Amino acid sequence: MPHSRQNPSARYQELLAMYQQMHREGDASLGIAPADMFPGQSLPPHAGTIKQLIMKYGAQTLLDYGAGKGRQYLPMEVNVPGVGKFGSIPEFWGTSVRCYDPAYPPHMQLPEGKFDGVVCTDVLEHCPEDDMAWIVDGLFAYASRFVFANVACYPAKKKLPNGENAHTTIRPVGWWQELFAQASARHGSIPYLVLVEELATTPEGSGIKASAFSSPGLLQA
C-alpha cells in the first residue's frame, strides 16, 4: 500500500519524533537553544521571489508548509533592495500567512481549505524519500494559484539526534523536476517555481550552485 498522510512510513514517524525533540531541546553540540531551533530563517532570503509570484497571481492568502517556529513572520524590519523598508514580511507581501509544521505543537494542526499560494523552504530534503510523493502532492492540494519551494541537493551541517545527517533525501535536480511536474499535473497544472542548490566544484574551489525549474513557461513569463 502506498504511503500517504494517513499511512506514512515508519521512517517518517521516526524523523518526525526527532524533529519534535530538536524543537524541544535545541542542539547543545551546535550551541542552539530550543527557542532558536528551526525559527524560520530560511524563508526571508526568498521573500522577494515569493512577492513576484504573489503579484503575478494576485495571491492574498499563503500557507507556509514546514514553517518551523514561524518567527519569520513576526514584526521585524525588512529592507527590500530597490523597494524600501517594511515592518514585516506579511506587510511586504500584502497577504495573510498560515503556518504549518508537524514538528512544532503551535503549528501542528493541519490546515483546512485552500490558499492562493503555498511556500515550502528548507523542508523537503529533510523528509524521507518514500513519503516524498504524498508530501509534494500535499503542497499542490493546498494551493489554488501557485507553489514555491526550494531544495538543497547536498548534506546539511546539522545532525539529527541519532547522528544522521539532517538532509535525509539528497537527489539530483531531474528527480525533483519529475516529482513536481507529476504533482502539478494531478492538481490541474498549478504553476510552480522551485529553486535548487547543488554542490559545485570550480577551479577556485567548491561552492554552491543555484538554479531553478518551474512549470512550463513560468520562468520566461
C-alpha atoms as a PDB file:
ATOM      1  CA  MET A   1       0.000   0.000   0.000  1.00  0.00           C
ATOM      2  CA  PRO A   2       1.473   3.386  -0.997  1.00  0.00           C
ATOM      3  CA  HIS A   3       2.434   5.716   1.799  1.00  0.00           C
ATOM      4  CA  SER A   4       0.197   8.729   2.435  1.00  0.00           C
ATOM      5  CA  ARG A   5      -0.543  11.302   5.103  1.00  0.00           C
ATOM      6  CA  GLN A   6      -2.895   8.748   6.660  1.00  0.00           C
ATOM      7  CA  ASN A   7      -0.320   5.950   6.219  1.00  0.00           C
ATOM      8  CA  PRO A   8       3.172   7.471   6.484  1.00  0.00           C
ATOM      9  CA  SER A   9       6.256   5.294   6.547  1.00  0.00           C
ATOM     10  CA  ALA A  10       7.897   4.206   9.781  1.00  0.00           C
ATOM     11  CA  ARG A  11      10.871   6.339   8.723  1.00  0.00           C
ATOM     12  CA  TYR A  12       8.618   9.404   8.517  1.00  0.00           C
ATOM     13  CA  GLN A  13       7.372   8.792  12.040  1.00  0.00           C
ATOM     14  CA  GLU A  14      10.953   8.309  13.268  1.00  0.00           C
ATOM     15  CA  LEU A  15      12.131  11.568  11.694  1.00  0.00           C
ATOM     16  CA  LEU A  16       9.096  13.475  12.941  1.00  0.00           C
ATOM     17  CA  ALA A  17       9.829  12.357  16.510  1.00  0.00           C
ATOM     18  CA  MET A  18      13.442  13.530  16.193  1.00  0.00           C
ATOM     19  CA  TYR A  19      12.433  16.941  14.845  1.00  0.00           C
ATOM     20  CA  GLN A  20       9.931  17.317  17.675  1.00  0.00           C
ATOM     21  CA  GLN A  21      12.769  16.525  20.081  1.00  0.00           C
ATOM     22  CA  MET A  22      15.033  19.120  18.451  1.00  0.00           C
ATOM     23  CA  HIS A  23      12.317  21.773  18.743  1.00  0.00           C
ATOM     24  CA  ARG A  24      12.010  20.960  22.462  1.00  0.00           C
ATOM     25  CA  GLU A  25      15.703  20.563  23.306  1.00  0.00           C
ATOM     26  CA  GLY A  26      17.684  22.501  20.711  1.00  0.00           C
ATOM     27  CA  ASP A  27      21.175  21.274  19.817  1.00  0.00           C
ATOM     28  CA  ALA A  28      23.800  21.640  22.535  1.00  0.00           C
ATOM     29  CA  SER A  29      26.590  20.437  20.216  1.00  0.00           C
ATOM     30  CA  LEU A  30      25.991  23.439  17.939  1.00  0.00           C
ATOM     31  CA  GLY A  31      25.058  25.813  20.748  1.00  0.00           C
ATOM     32  CA  ILE A  32      21.479  26.191  19.507  1.00  0.00           C
ATOM     33  CA  ALA A  33      18.910  26.843  22.236  1.00  0.00           C
ATOM     34  CA  PRO A  34      15.401  25.365  21.874  1.00  0.00           C
ATOM     35  CA  ALA A  35      13.924  28.798  21.102  1.00  0.00           C
ATOM     36  CA  ASP A  36      16.394  29.216  18.224  1.00  0.00           C
ATOM     37  CA  MET A  37      15.996  25.762  16.675  1.00  0.00           C
ATOM     38  CA  PHE A  38      14.241  25.955  13.286  1.00  0.00           C
ATOM     39  CA  PRO A  39      12.978  29.539  13.805  1.00  0.00           C
ATOM     40  CA  GLY A  40      12.098  30.009  10.124  1.00  0.00           C
ATOM     41  CA  GLN A  41      15.250  31.787   8.971  1.00  0.00           C
ATOM     42  CA  SER A  42      15.324  30.005   5.594  1.00  0.00           C
ATOM     43  CA  LEU A  43      12.307  31.972   4.326  1.00  0.00           C
ATOM     44  CA  PRO A  44      13.424  35.657   4.306  1.00  0.00           C
ATOM     45  CA  PRO A  45      16.039  35.275   1.516  1.00  0.00           C
ATOM     46  CA  HIS A  46      13.219  34.133  -0.774  1.00  0.00           C
ATOM     47  CA  ALA A  47      10.742  36.850   0.214  1.00  0.00           C
ATOM     48  CA  GLY A  48      11.383  38.916  -2.920  1.00  0.00           C
ATOM     49  CA  THR A  49      10.891  35.990  -5.291  1.00  0.00           C
ATOM     50  CA  ILE A  50       7.698  34.979  -3.494  1.00  0.00           C
ATOM     51  CA  LYS A  51       6.464  38.579  -3.742  1.00  0.00           C
ATOM     52  CA  GLN A  52       6.828  38.374  -7.528  1.00  0.00           C
ATOM     53  CA  LEU A  53       4.650  35.253  -7.575  1.00  0.00           C
ATOM     54  CA  ILE A  54       2.107  36.927  -5.278  1.00  0.00           C
ATOM     55  CA  MET A  55       1.824  39.857  -7.667  1.00  0.00           C
ATOM     56  CA  LYS A  56       1.770  37.672 -10.786  1.00  0.00           C
ATOM     57  CA  TYR A  57      -1.089  35.524  -9.495  1.00  0.00           C
ATOM     58  CA  GLY A  58      -2.925  38.064  -7.331  1.00  0.00           C
ATOM     59  CA  ALA A  59      -2.491  35.993  -4.176  1.00  0.00           C
ATOM     60  CA  GLN A  60      -3.954  37.176  -0.885  1.00  0.00           C
ATOM     61  CA  THR A  61      -3.578  34.077   1.303  1.00  0.00           C
ATOM     62  CA  LEU A  62      -0.451  31.963   1.786  1.00  0.00           C
ATOM     63  CA  LEU A  63       0.393  28.721   3.553  1.00  0.00           C
ATOM     64  CA  ASP A  64       3.948  28.194   4.791  1.00  0.00           C
ATOM     65  CA  TYR A  65       4.286  24.404   4.778  1.00  0.00           C
ATOM     66  CA  GLY A  66       7.063  23.465   7.199  1.00  0.00           C
ATOM     67  CA  ALA A  67       7.270  26.912   8.778  1.00  0.00           C
ATOM     68  CA  GLY A  68       9.288  25.924  11.830  1.00  0.00           C
ATOM     69  CA  LYS A  69       8.566  28.248  14.744  1.00  0.00           C
ATOM     70  CA  GLY A  70       7.259  30.907  12.350  1.00  0.00           C
ATOM     71  CA  ARG A  71       9.409  33.740  13.672  1.00  0.00           C
ATOM     72  CA  GLN A  72       9.984  34.878  10.091  1.00  0.00           C
ATOM     73  CA  TYR A  73       6.501  36.401  10.177  1.00  0.00           C
ATOM     74  CA  LEU A  74       6.839  38.384  13.416  1.00  0.00           C
ATOM     75  CA  PRO A  75       7.133  42.172  13.191  1.00  0.00           C
ATOM     76  CA  MET A  76      10.685  42.996  12.125  1.00  0.00           C
ATOM     77  CA  GLU A  77      12.185  45.456   9.705  1.00  0.00           C
ATOM     78  CA  VAL A  78      12.501  44.059   6.202  1.00  0.00           C
ATOM     79  CA  ASN A  79      14.702  46.064   3.841  1.00  0.00           C
ATOM     80  CA  VAL A  80      13.902  45.080   0.267  1.00  0.00           C
ATOM     81  CA  PRO A  81      16.521  46.321  -2.234  1.00  0.00           C
ATOM     82  CA  GLY A  82      15.003  48.715  -4.738  1.00  0.00           C
ATOM     83  CA  VAL A  83      11.651  48.705  -2.942  1.00  0.00           C
ATOM     84  CA  GLY A  84      12.067  50.018   0.594  1.00  0.00           C
ATOM     85  CA  LYS A  85      11.543  49.065   4.213  1.00  0.00           C
ATOM     86  CA  PHE A  86       8.580  47.186   5.663  1.00  0.00           C
ATOM     87  CA  GLY A  87       7.538  46.287   9.185  1.00  0.00           C
ATOM     88  CA  SER A  88       7.191  42.582   8.462  1.00  0.00           C
ATOM     89  CA  ILE A  89       7.206  40.030   5.671  1.00  0.00           C
ATOM     90  CA  PRO A  90       3.362  39.778   5.614  1.00  0.00           C
ATOM     91  CA  GLU A  91       3.248  43.564   5.238  1.00  0.00           C
ATOM     92  CA  PHE A  92       5.721  43.399   2.350  1.00  0.00           C
ATOM     93  CA  TRP A  93       3.745  40.618   0.708  1.00  0.00           C
ATOM     94  CA  GLY A  94       0.325  42.162   1.370  1.00  0.00           C
ATOM     95  CA  THR A  95      -1.061  38.751   2.334  1.00  0.00           C
ATOM     96  CA  SER A  96      -2.157  36.730   5.324  1.00  0.00           C
ATOM     97  CA  VAL A  97       0.047  33.751   6.207  1.00  0.00           C
ATOM     98  CA  ARG A  98      -0.896  30.436   7.846  1.00  0.00           C
ATOM     99  CA  CYS A  99       1.979  28.441   9.347  1.00  0.00           C
ATOM    100  CA  TYR A 100       2.010  24.644   9.391  1.00  0.00           C
ATOM    101  CA  ASP A 101       4.723  22.433  10.837  1.00  0.00           C
ATOM    102  CA  PRO A 102       4.037  18.903  12.122  1.00  0.00           C
ATOM    103  CA  ALA A 103       7.063  19.015  14.451  1.00  0.00           C
ATOM    104  CA  TYR A 104       6.108  22.210  16.343  1.00  0.00           C
ATOM    105  CA  PRO A 105       2.962  21.997  18.519  1.00  0.00           C
ATOM    106  CA  PRO A 106       1.691  25.572  17.981  1.00  0.00           C
ATOM    107  CA  HIS A 107       1.626  24.948  14.211  1.00  0.00           C
ATOM    108  CA  MET A 108       0.912  21.221  14.238  1.00  0.00           C
ATOM    109  CA  GLN A 109      -2.779  21.301  13.300  1.00  0.00           C
ATOM    110  CA  LEU A 110      -3.396  20.512   9.646  1.00  0.00           C
ATOM    111  CA  PRO A 111      -4.721  23.492   7.672  1.00  0.00           C
ATOM    112  CA  GLU A 112      -8.207  23.415   6.239  1.00  0.00           C
ATOM    113  CA  GLY A 113      -9.274  24.534   2.791  1.00  0.00           C
ATOM    114  CA  LYS A 114      -7.062  26.080   0.132  1.00  0.00           C
ATOM    115  CA  PHE A 115      -4.655  29.007  -0.050  1.00  0.00           C
ATOM    116  CA  ASP A 116      -3.747  31.144  -3.044  1.00  0.00           C
ATOM    117  CA  GLY A 117      -0.084  30.236  -2.651  1.00  0.00           C
ATOM    118  CA  VAL A 118       1.918  27.585  -0.808  1.00  0.00           C
ATOM    119  CA  VAL A 119       5.566  28.126   0.107  1.00  0.00           C
ATOM    120  CA  CYS A 120       7.942  25.433   1.355  1.00  0.00           C
ATOM    121  CA  THR A 121      11.547  26.373   2.195  1.00  0.00           C
ATOM    122  CA  ASP A 122      14.279  24.154   3.636  1.00  0.00           C
ATOM    123  CA  VAL A 123      11.831  21.304   4.220  1.00  0.00           C
ATOM    124  CA  LEU A 124      11.674  18.654   1.514  1.00  0.00           C
ATOM    125  CA  GLU A 125      15.258  17.408   1.769  1.00  0.00           C
ATOM    126  CA  HIS A 126      14.545  16.685   5.453  1.00  0.00           C
ATOM    127  CA  CYS A 127      11.724  14.270   4.560  1.00  0.00           C
ATOM    128  CA  PRO A 128      12.089  10.566   3.685  1.00  0.00           C
ATOM    129  CA  GLU A 129      12.134   9.659   0.019  1.00  0.00           C
ATOM    130  CA  ASP A 130       9.433   7.015   0.448  1.00  0.00           C
ATOM    131  CA  ASP A 131       6.995   9.740   1.576  1.00  0.00           C
ATOM    132  CA  MET A 132       8.033  12.475  -0.827  1.00  0.00           C
ATOM    133  CA  ALA A 133       5.283  11.879  -3.384  1.00  0.00           C
ATOM    134  CA  TRP A 134       2.451  12.479  -0.916  1.00  0.00           C
ATOM    135  CA  ILE A 135       4.245  15.379   0.761  1.00  0.00           C
ATOM    136  CA  VAL A 136       4.787  17.248  -2.519  1.00  0.00           C
ATOM    137  CA  ASP A 137       1.277  16.302  -3.611  1.00  0.00           C
ATOM    138  CA  GLY A 138       0.052  17.977  -0.423  1.00  0.00           C
ATOM    139  CA  LEU A 139       1.681  21.272  -1.409  1.00  0.00           C
ATOM    140  CA  PHE A 140      -0.390  21.331  -4.582  1.00  0.00           C
ATOM    141  CA  ALA A 141      -3.545  20.101  -2.839  1.00  0.00           C
ATOM    142  CA  TYR A 142      -3.480  23.206  -0.635  1.00  0.00           C
ATOM    143  CA  ALA A 143      -2.660  25.646  -3.464  1.00  0.00           C
ATOM    144  CA  SER A 144      -5.108  27.292  -5.827  1.00  0.00           C
ATOM    145  CA  ARG A 145      -2.704  29.623  -7.708  1.00  0.00           C
ATOM    146  CA  PHE A 146       0.985  28.707  -7.199  1.00  0.00           C
ATOM    147  CA  VAL A 147       3.555  26.660  -5.283  1.00  0.00           C
ATOM    148  CA  PHE A 148       7.044  27.866  -4.363  1.00  0.00           C
ATOM    149  CA  ALA A 149       9.756  25.630  -2.886  1.00  0.00           C
ATOM    150  CA  ASN A 150      13.482  25.428  -2.500  1.00  0.00           C
ATOM    151  CA  VAL A 151      15.548  22.247  -2.216  1.00  0.00           C
ATOM    152  CA  ALA A 152      19.138  21.559  -1.177  1.00  0.00           C
ATOM    153  CA  CYS A 153      20.840  18.696  -3.006  1.00  0.00           C
ATOM    154  CA  TYR A 154      23.778  18.282  -0.619  1.00  0.00           C
ATOM    155  CA  PRO A 155      24.385  17.241   3.017  1.00  0.00           C
ATOM    156  CA  ALA A 156      23.372  19.581   5.832  1.00  0.00           C
ATOM    157  CA  LYS A 157      25.551  20.988   8.594  1.00  0.00           C
ATOM    158  CA  LYS A 158      23.028  19.849  11.203  1.00  0.00           C
ATOM    159  CA  LYS A 159      22.893  16.325  12.544  1.00  0.00           C
ATOM    160  CA  LEU A 160      19.830  14.542  13.869  1.00  0.00           C
ATOM    161  CA  PRO A 161      19.780  13.343  17.484  1.00  0.00           C
ATOM    162  CA  ASN A 162      20.783   9.858  16.305  1.00  0.00           C
ATOM    163  CA  GLY A 163      23.832  11.239  14.476  1.00  0.00           C
ATOM    164  CA  GLU A 164      22.446  11.052  10.931  1.00  0.00           C
ATOM    165  CA  ASN A 165      22.698  13.972   8.550  1.00  0.00           C
ATOM    166  CA  ALA A 166      19.607  16.183   8.644  1.00  0.00           C
ATOM    167  CA  HIS A 167      19.251  16.092   4.849  1.00  0.00           C
ATOM    168  CA  THR A 168      17.629  12.700   4.505  1.00  0.00           C
ATOM    169  CA  THR A 169      16.795  12.858   0.802  1.00  0.00           C
ATOM    170  CA  ILE A 170      19.598  14.034  -1.477  1.00  0.00           C
ATOM    171  CA  ARG A 171      18.598  13.601  -5.108  1.00  0.00           C
ATOM    172  CA  PRO A 172      19.612  15.205  -8.435  1.00  0.00           C
ATOM    173  CA  VAL A 173      17.676  18.111  -9.902  1.00  0.00           C
ATOM    174  CA  GLY A 174      15.993  15.947 -12.549  1.00  0.00           C
ATOM    175  CA  TRP A 175      14.437  13.767  -9.866  1.00  0.00           C
ATOM    176  CA  TRP A 176      12.812  16.791  -8.240  1.00  0.00           C
ATOM    177  CA  GLN A 177      11.696  18.135 -11.631  1.00  0.00           C
ATOM    178  CA  GLU A 178       9.790  14.948 -12.389  1.00  0.00           C
ATOM    179  CA  LEU A 179       8.244  14.846  -8.925  1.00  0.00           C
ATOM    180  CA  PHE A 180       6.895  18.411  -9.167  1.00  0.00           C
ATOM    181  CA  ALA A 181       5.693  18.032 -12.758  1.00  0.00           C
ATOM    182  CA  GLN A 182       3.683  14.949 -11.821  1.00  0.00           C
ATOM    183  CA  ALA A 183       2.180  16.576  -8.723  1.00  0.00           C
ATOM    184  CA  SER A 184       1.205  19.714 -10.640  1.00  0.00           C
ATOM    185  CA  ALA A 185      -0.458  17.636 -13.355  1.00  0.00           C
ATOM    186  CA  ARG A 186      -2.549  15.816 -10.752  1.00  0.00           C
ATOM    187  CA  HIS A 187      -3.872  19.155  -9.495  1.00  0.00           C
ATOM    188  CA  GLY A 188      -4.908  20.981 -12.633  1.00  0.00           C
ATOM    189  CA  SER A 189      -1.411  22.083 -13.677  1.00  0.00           C
ATOM    190  CA  ILE A 190      -0.980  24.578 -10.831  1.00  0.00           C
ATOM    191  CA  PRO A 191       2.093  26.745 -11.581  1.00  0.00           C
ATOM    192  CA  TYR A 192       5.221  26.160  -9.505  1.00  0.00           C
ATOM    193  CA  LEU A 193       8.719  27.533  -9.083  1.00  0.00           C
ATOM    194  CA  VAL A 194      11.464  25.519  -7.380  1.00  0.00           C
ATOM    195  CA  LEU A 195      14.904  26.904  -6.523  1.00  0.00           C
ATOM    196  CA  VAL A 196      17.618  24.260  -6.258  1.00  0.00           C
ATOM    197  CA  GLU A 197      21.068  24.372  -4.684  1.00  0.00           C
ATOM    198  CA  GLU A 198      23.807  21.887  -5.589  1.00  0.00           C
ATOM    199  CA  LEU A 199      27.442  21.482  -4.661  1.00  0.00           C
ATOM    200  CA  ALA A 200      29.722  22.555  -7.485  1.00  0.00           C
ATOM    201  CA  THR A 201      33.475  22.351  -7.989  1.00  0.00           C
ATOM    202  CA  THR A 202      35.310  25.072  -9.892  1.00  0.00           C
ATOM    203  CA  PRO A 203      39.000  25.844 -10.419  1.00  0.00           C
ATOM    204  CA  GLU A 204      38.692  28.237  -7.470  1.00  0.00           C
ATOM    205  CA  GLY A 205      37.299  25.555  -5.165  1.00  0.00           C
ATOM    206  CA  SER A 206      33.942  24.132  -4.145  1.00  0.00           C
ATOM    207  CA  GLY A 207      30.751  26.081  -3.561  1.00  0.00           C
ATOM    208  CA  ILE A 208      27.002  26.150  -4.003  1.00  0.00           C
ATOM    209  CA  LYS A 209      25.449  26.406  -7.461  1.00  0.00           C
ATOM    210  CA  ALA A 210      21.900  27.754  -7.559  1.00  0.00           C
ATOM    211  CA  SER A 211      19.417  27.064 -10.328  1.00  0.00           C
ATOM    212  CA  ALA A 212      15.668  26.899 -10.800  1.00  0.00           C
ATOM    213  CA  PHE A 213      12.974  24.969 -12.607  1.00  0.00           C
ATOM    214  CA  SER A 214       9.315  25.717 -12.987  1.00  0.00           C
ATOM    215  CA  SER A 215       6.064  24.822 -14.639  1.00  0.00           C
ATOM    216  CA  PRO A 216       6.239  25.357 -18.435  1.00  0.00           C
ATOM    217  CA  GLY A 217       6.737  28.993 -19.368  1.00  0.00           C
ATOM    218  CA  LEU A 218       6.795  30.431 -15.845  1.00  0.00           C
ATOM    219  CA  LEU A 219      10.444  31.464 -15.827  1.00  0.00           C
ATOM    220  CA  GLN A 220      10.066  33.099 -19.234  1.00  0.00           C
ATOM    221  CA  ALA A 221       6.812  34.882 -18.399  1.00  0.00           C
END
